[in-house]
Amino acid sequence: MKVTKAEAMGTCFGVRDAIEEAMDPKFKGNLTVIGQLVHNPQIVQRLKENGVKIVDSLNDVIDTPNVMITAHGAAQSVRLRAAEVGFKVYDATCPLVMRVHRAVEKLVEEDFYPVVIGQESHVEVRGIVTDLNEYTVILDESDFHKIADKPRIGIVSQTTQQITHVYPIVEKIKALKNPDGSAKEVKFVDTICKPTKDRQKAVHKLADEVDLMIVIGGYNSSNTKKLKKVCEDKGLEAYHIEKVSELNPEWFHNKKHVGITAGTSTPHWVIDEFYETVVEIGKSLEGSTPNKVASA
C-alpha cells in the first residue's frame, strides 16, 4: 500500500509562532490563554502540561498576571478590557487574521456595508465583527436576504473558508440587484489565507491520485473540515480524525494508495506519527513492506 503526504499540510507560520510564544519557559504557571490557542487537542494538552491555563473568555476566573489572545484573534474591545482589568496582554493573533480586521475597517471607512463569508459562531469571525456597529455574516445563498437592501457591500472571508465556496458566493452577490433594480456596488477583499489555499490546492491534487484520504486535525478546526470537504466534493473516501488511536485498519482493506493531509493547526510531529502508523497498517495488511512516499 502506497502512502503519500500532501505537498502542503500541517501548521502554518501563524500557528507555529503562537505555540512557540505560549510555550516560552517564562510563562510557565503564569499565563492564561483566552480560548483555545489553536484548534488541536495535542497542542492544548502540551500547553497544559507546560503550566499554561486555558479559559473560554475574560468572564471566567483568571488567576495569572498574563493573558494571551489566540491565533484566531479577538475584538479590540476584548484586548482593551483585559488591559483595563490589569492583565498584561500578549497577542498571538495570526498576522493574516489581523489582515482581515484591517480590511473590514477600511471597507467601513469607505462606506461599504461589511459582509463576512464564514461561520458566525467561529471564534475568528466573532473577533472580526464584535466591534462593528452593523454587519452580516453569511455562509451561503440562503443568507442573501440579509443584505438585500444594502446598495454598497464590502466582502471579506473567514481565513479558513474553502476557495471553491467563497468565490462563487462573491460572484452571486455581485449579480444581486437593489430594490430599485439598480446594480449593487460590491467590493471583495480576498482574505482566505495563503496557507489555507496551499493546503486546499495540495489536497485537491493528491485526491486525484489516491483511493483514500486521512485528514488530521481538531474536530473544531474549520480549515481541517474544509480539507475533508475538498475530498468529499471529488467523491473520495476520507476520514477526519484527531488522534492516531482513531485509525481503523478496516478503512485500508483493498486500498492501493492512501493520502495524508492535515489542517493548519496540526503539528508535524503528529503528522509523522500518523504517517508511520498508516505505513505499519499497510504492512500488516499486505504482509510485506509498503511503498513509503513522503511529500516533495
Protein backbone atom coordinates (compact mmCIF):
# COMPACT_ATOMS: atom_id res chain seq x y z
CA MET A 1 0.00 0.00 0.00
CA LYS A 2 1.45 3.31 -1.07
CA VAL A 3 1.25 6.20 1.42
CA THR A 4 1.70 9.80 0.29
CA LYS A 5 1.67 13.06 2.22
CA ALA A 6 0.15 16.17 0.67
CA GLU A 7 2.73 18.67 -0.62
CA ALA A 8 1.42 21.34 1.76
CA MET A 9 -0.12 20.49 5.13
CA GLY A 10 0.17 21.00 8.87
CA THR A 11 0.98 24.03 10.99
CA CYS A 12 1.25 27.38 9.26
CA PHE A 13 3.58 30.16 10.45
CA GLY A 14 0.85 31.92 12.43
CA VAL A 15 0.02 28.82 14.44
CA ARG A 16 3.68 27.91 14.88
CA ASP A 17 4.53 31.36 16.22
CA ALA A 18 1.58 31.33 18.63
CA ILE A 19 2.59 27.93 20.02
CA GLU A 20 6.24 28.95 20.44
CA GLU A 21 5.27 32.13 22.28
CA ALA A 22 2.88 30.37 24.67
CA MET A 23 5.42 27.60 25.37
CA ASP A 24 8.13 30.10 26.36
CA PRO A 25 9.52 28.98 29.75
CA LYS A 26 8.94 32.48 31.15
CA PHE A 27 5.18 31.81 31.01
CA LYS A 28 5.23 28.53 32.94
CA GLY A 29 2.49 28.77 35.54
CA ASN A 30 1.68 32.43 34.95
CA LEU A 31 -0.17 32.58 31.62
CA THR A 32 -3.83 32.12 30.76
CA VAL A 33 -4.92 31.74 27.15
CA ILE A 34 -8.37 33.14 26.39
CA GLY A 35 -9.87 30.35 24.29
CA GLN A 36 -8.03 27.55 22.50
CA LEU A 37 -4.70 28.90 21.28
CA VAL A 38 -5.08 26.63 18.26
CA HIS A 39 -7.71 24.02 17.42
CA ASN A 40 -5.59 20.95 18.09
CA PRO A 41 -6.00 18.61 21.10
CA GLN A 42 -2.35 17.53 21.22
CA ILE A 43 -1.15 21.14 21.40
CA VAL A 44 -3.76 22.01 24.03
CA GLN A 45 -2.52 19.10 26.15
CA ARG A 46 1.12 20.19 25.81
CA LEU A 47 0.22 23.72 26.83
CA LYS A 48 -1.50 22.46 29.96
CA GLU A 49 1.48 20.23 30.77
CA ASN A 50 3.67 23.35 30.48
CA GLY A 51 1.57 25.11 33.11
CA VAL A 52 -0.47 27.25 30.69
CA LYS A 53 -4.06 27.74 31.78
CA ILE A 54 -6.97 27.99 29.34
CA VAL A 55 -10.34 29.69 29.80
CA ASP A 56 -13.22 30.32 27.46
CA SER A 57 -13.48 34.06 27.99
CA LEU A 58 -12.46 37.03 30.12
CA ASN A 59 -15.58 36.40 32.20
CA ASP A 60 -14.03 33.24 33.61
CA VAL A 61 -11.82 33.18 36.72
CA ILE A 62 -8.23 34.09 35.74
CA ASP A 63 -5.54 33.88 38.40
CA THR A 64 -2.44 34.67 36.34
CA PRO A 65 -0.95 38.11 35.67
CA ASN A 66 -0.64 37.42 31.94
CA VAL A 67 -3.29 36.61 29.34
CA MET A 68 -2.88 35.71 25.69
CA ILE A 69 -5.11 36.31 22.68
CA THR A 70 -5.25 33.19 20.50
CA ALA A 71 -4.06 32.79 16.92
CA HIS A 72 -7.69 33.23 15.84
CA GLY A 73 -7.69 36.81 17.07
CA ALA A 74 -10.18 38.82 19.12
CA ALA A 75 -12.03 42.10 19.01
CA GLN A 76 -10.02 45.16 20.06
CA SER A 77 -12.56 45.73 22.83
CA VAL A 78 -11.51 42.39 24.37
CA ARG A 79 -7.84 43.45 24.40
CA LEU A 80 -8.71 46.79 25.96
CA ARG A 81 -10.95 45.24 28.61
CA ALA A 82 -8.23 42.74 29.56
CA ALA A 83 -5.72 45.57 29.97
CA GLU A 84 -8.17 47.68 31.97
CA VAL A 85 -8.74 44.80 34.38
CA GLY A 86 -5.00 44.76 34.98
CA PHE A 87 -3.71 41.84 32.93
CA LYS A 88 -0.61 42.08 30.77
CA VAL A 89 -1.90 41.16 27.34
CA TYR A 90 0.14 39.09 24.88
CA ASP A 91 -1.29 38.92 21.38
CA ALA A 92 -0.71 35.73 19.37
CA THR A 93 -3.17 36.68 16.62
CA CYS A 94 -2.08 35.38 13.23
CA PRO A 95 -0.97 38.30 11.01
CA LEU A 96 -3.29 37.03 8.26
CA VAL A 97 -6.26 37.23 10.65
CA MET A 98 -5.24 40.78 11.55
CA ARG A 99 -5.26 41.49 7.82
CA VAL A 100 -8.99 40.63 7.78
CA HIS A 101 -9.63 43.04 10.67
CA ARG A 102 -7.85 45.84 8.80
CA ALA A 103 -9.66 45.04 5.55
CA VAL A 104 -13.06 45.29 7.26
CA GLU A 105 -12.12 48.56 8.92
CA LYS A 106 -11.11 50.02 5.56
CA LEU A 107 -14.32 48.86 3.88
CA VAL A 108 -16.37 50.51 6.62
CA GLU A 109 -14.31 53.72 6.24
CA GLU A 110 -15.16 53.64 2.53
CA ASP A 111 -18.86 53.38 3.41
CA PHE A 112 -19.35 49.77 2.35
CA TYR A 113 -21.70 47.58 4.38
CA PRO A 114 -19.44 44.82 5.83
CA VAL A 115 -20.24 41.23 4.94
CA VAL A 116 -18.17 38.30 6.20
CA ILE A 117 -18.37 34.93 4.48
CA GLY A 118 -17.88 32.33 7.18
CA GLN A 119 -19.26 30.62 10.26
CA GLU A 120 -20.86 33.15 12.58
CA SER A 121 -20.12 31.08 15.70
CA HIS A 122 -16.41 30.65 14.91
CA VAL A 123 -14.02 32.49 17.23
CA GLU A 124 -12.21 34.16 14.32
CA VAL A 125 -15.44 35.56 12.90
CA ARG A 126 -16.63 36.75 16.30
CA GLY A 127 -13.37 38.62 16.69
CA ILE A 128 -13.80 40.27 13.29
CA VAL A 129 -17.37 41.52 13.80
CA THR A 130 -17.78 42.17 17.54
CA ASP A 131 -16.71 45.82 17.41
CA LEU A 132 -18.69 46.67 14.26
CA ASN A 133 -21.84 48.76 14.56
CA GLU A 134 -23.52 46.75 11.80
CA TYR A 135 -22.54 43.74 9.75
CA THR A 136 -23.80 40.49 8.25
CA VAL A 137 -22.19 37.06 8.35
CA ILE A 138 -23.29 34.79 5.53
CA LEU A 139 -22.50 31.17 4.86
CA ASP A 140 -24.39 30.54 1.62
CA GLU A 141 -27.12 31.86 -0.67
CA SER A 142 -29.80 31.23 1.95
CA ASP A 143 -28.41 34.25 3.81
CA PHE A 144 -28.64 36.67 0.86
CA HIS A 145 -31.93 38.12 2.14
CA LYS A 146 -29.94 39.69 4.99
CA ILE A 147 -28.17 42.03 2.56
CA ALA A 148 -30.99 42.57 0.05
CA ASP A 149 -31.40 46.29 0.87
CA LYS A 150 -27.70 47.16 1.04
CA PRO A 151 -26.57 49.11 -2.08
CA ARG A 152 -22.81 49.06 -1.29
CA ILE A 153 -21.40 45.80 0.01
CA GLY A 154 -17.84 45.14 1.16
CA ILE A 155 -16.95 41.45 1.43
CA VAL A 156 -14.22 39.60 3.29
CA SER A 157 -13.90 35.94 4.16
CA GLN A 158 -13.00 33.93 7.22
CA THR A 159 -9.39 32.96 6.52
CA THR A 160 -10.09 29.22 6.51
CA GLN A 161 -13.03 29.11 4.13
CA GLN A 162 -12.96 26.90 1.06
CA ILE A 163 -11.85 28.68 -2.11
CA THR A 164 -14.45 26.93 -4.25
CA HIS A 165 -17.15 28.09 -1.84
CA VAL A 166 -16.21 31.75 -1.39
CA TYR A 167 -15.51 32.78 -4.97
CA PRO A 168 -18.90 31.65 -6.38
CA ILE A 169 -20.70 33.29 -3.44
CA VAL A 170 -18.99 36.60 -4.24
CA GLU A 171 -19.96 36.38 -7.91
CA LYS A 172 -23.59 35.68 -6.98
CA ILE A 173 -23.63 38.68 -4.65
CA LYS A 174 -22.29 40.83 -7.49
CA ALA A 175 -25.25 39.70 -9.59
CA LEU A 176 -27.80 40.80 -7.00
CA LYS A 177 -29.95 43.86 -7.66
CA ASN A 178 -31.07 46.63 -5.35
CA PRO A 179 -34.80 47.01 -4.63
CA ASP A 180 -34.98 49.75 -7.27
CA GLY A 181 -33.43 47.44 -9.89
CA SER A 182 -30.01 49.10 -9.93
CA ALA A 183 -26.80 47.08 -9.66
CA LYS A 184 -25.18 46.73 -6.26
CA GLU A 185 -21.71 48.14 -5.76
CA VAL A 186 -19.62 45.24 -4.46
CA LYS A 187 -16.01 45.27 -3.29
CA PHE A 188 -14.37 41.96 -2.42
CA VAL A 189 -11.11 41.65 -0.49
CA ASP A 190 -9.80 38.10 -0.75
CA THR A 191 -8.80 37.27 2.83
CA ILE A 192 -8.60 33.48 2.58
CA CYS A 193 -5.08 32.94 3.87
CA LYS A 194 -2.34 31.56 1.63
CA PRO A 195 -1.57 28.55 3.88
CA THR A 196 -5.25 27.57 3.67
CA LYS A 197 -5.22 27.95 -0.12
CA ASP A 198 -1.98 25.99 -0.41
CA ARG A 199 -3.35 23.12 1.66
CA GLN A 200 -6.63 23.03 -0.23
CA LYS A 201 -4.83 23.00 -3.59
CA ALA A 202 -2.44 20.27 -2.39
CA VAL A 203 -5.22 18.01 -1.15
CA HIS A 204 -7.20 18.64 -4.35
CA LYS A 205 -4.20 17.45 -6.36
CA LEU A 206 -3.49 14.44 -4.15
CA ALA A 207 -7.16 13.43 -4.16
CA ASP A 208 -6.83 12.62 -7.88
CA GLU A 209 -4.10 10.09 -7.12
CA VAL A 210 -5.34 8.18 -4.05
CA ASP A 211 -8.31 5.99 -3.16
CA LEU A 212 -8.48 7.06 0.50
CA MET A 213 -7.55 10.26 2.36
CA ILE A 214 -6.77 10.63 6.06
CA VAL A 215 -7.39 14.21 7.20
CA ILE A 216 -5.69 15.06 10.50
CA GLY A 217 -6.80 17.88 12.77
CA GLY A 218 -9.01 19.01 15.63
CA TYR A 219 -12.70 18.34 15.21
CA ASN A 220 -13.33 22.04 15.88
CA SER A 221 -10.80 23.12 13.23
CA SER A 222 -12.56 24.93 10.39
CA ASN A 223 -9.74 24.62 7.88
CA THR A 224 -9.39 20.87 8.57
CA LYS A 225 -13.09 20.36 7.90
CA LYS A 226 -12.65 22.17 4.58
CA LEU A 227 -9.86 19.76 3.57
CA LYS A 228 -12.22 16.84 4.08
CA LYS A 229 -14.89 18.73 2.13
CA VAL A 230 -12.49 19.03 -0.84
CA CYS A 231 -12.19 15.23 -0.84
CA GLU A 232 -15.93 14.69 -0.48
CA ASP A 233 -16.63 17.06 -3.37
CA LYS A 234 -14.41 14.87 -5.53
CA GLY A 235 -16.19 11.70 -4.41
CA LEU A 236 -13.17 10.43 -2.48
CA GLU A 237 -13.47 8.41 0.71
CA ALA A 238 -11.98 10.50 3.52
CA TYR A 239 -11.79 10.41 7.31
CA HIS A 240 -11.22 13.42 9.56
CA ILE A 241 -9.69 12.30 12.86
CA GLU A 242 -7.75 13.88 15.73
CA LYS A 243 -5.70 11.04 17.18
CA VAL A 244 -3.75 8.02 15.90
CA SER A 245 -5.82 5.77 18.15
CA GLU A 246 -8.84 6.57 15.98
CA LEU A 247 -7.35 4.96 12.88
CA ASN A 248 -9.38 1.92 11.86
CA PRO A 249 -7.43 -0.79 9.96
CA GLU A 250 -10.64 -1.79 8.18
CA TRP A 251 -10.54 1.51 6.26
CA PHE A 252 -7.40 0.35 4.47
CA HIS A 253 -8.57 -3.02 3.17
CA ASN A 254 -8.11 -3.22 -0.61
CA LYS A 255 -6.64 0.30 -0.74
CA LYS A 256 -3.67 0.70 -3.05
CA HIS A 257 -2.79 4.34 -2.41
CA VAL A 258 -3.57 6.33 0.76
CA GLY A 259 -3.15 10.09 1.08
CA ILE A 260 -2.49 12.05 4.26
CA THR A 261 -3.20 15.72 4.83
CA ALA A 262 -3.59 17.92 7.90
CA GLY A 263 -5.04 21.26 8.92
CA THR A 264 -3.01 24.35 9.74
CA SER A 265 -3.22 23.68 13.50
CA THR A 266 -1.75 20.17 13.29
CA PRO A 267 1.95 19.94 14.28
CA HIS A 268 4.28 17.91 12.08
CA TRP A 269 5.21 15.51 14.88
CA VAL A 270 1.55 14.45 14.96
CA ILE A 271 1.54 14.03 11.17
CA ASP A 272 4.67 11.89 11.37
CA GLU A 273 3.03 9.66 13.97
CA PHE A 274 0.01 9.18 11.71
CA TYR A 275 2.20 8.51 8.70
CA GLU A 276 4.26 5.80 10.38
CA THR A 277 1.12 4.19 11.81
CA VAL A 278 -0.63 4.09 8.42
CA VAL A 279 2.52 2.60 6.88
CA GLU A 280 2.53 -0.11 9.55
CA ILE A 281 -1.15 -0.82 8.96
CA GLY A 282 -0.42 -1.25 5.26
CA LYS A 283 2.48 -3.52 6.07
CA SER A 284 0.35 -5.71 8.32
CA LEU A 285 -2.39 -5.98 5.69
CA GLU A 286 -0.03 -6.87 2.86
CA GLY A 287 2.45 -8.94 4.79
CA SER A 288 5.27 -7.01 3.17
CA THR A 289 6.93 -3.59 3.36
CA PRO A 290 4.67 -0.97 1.78
CA ASN A 291 5.86 1.66 -0.61
CA LYS A 292 6.51 4.73 1.55
CA VAL A 293 6.34 8.05 -0.26
CA ALA A 294 6.98 11.32 1.55
CA SER A 295 5.91 14.69 0.25
CA ALA A 296 8.18 16.52 -2.15
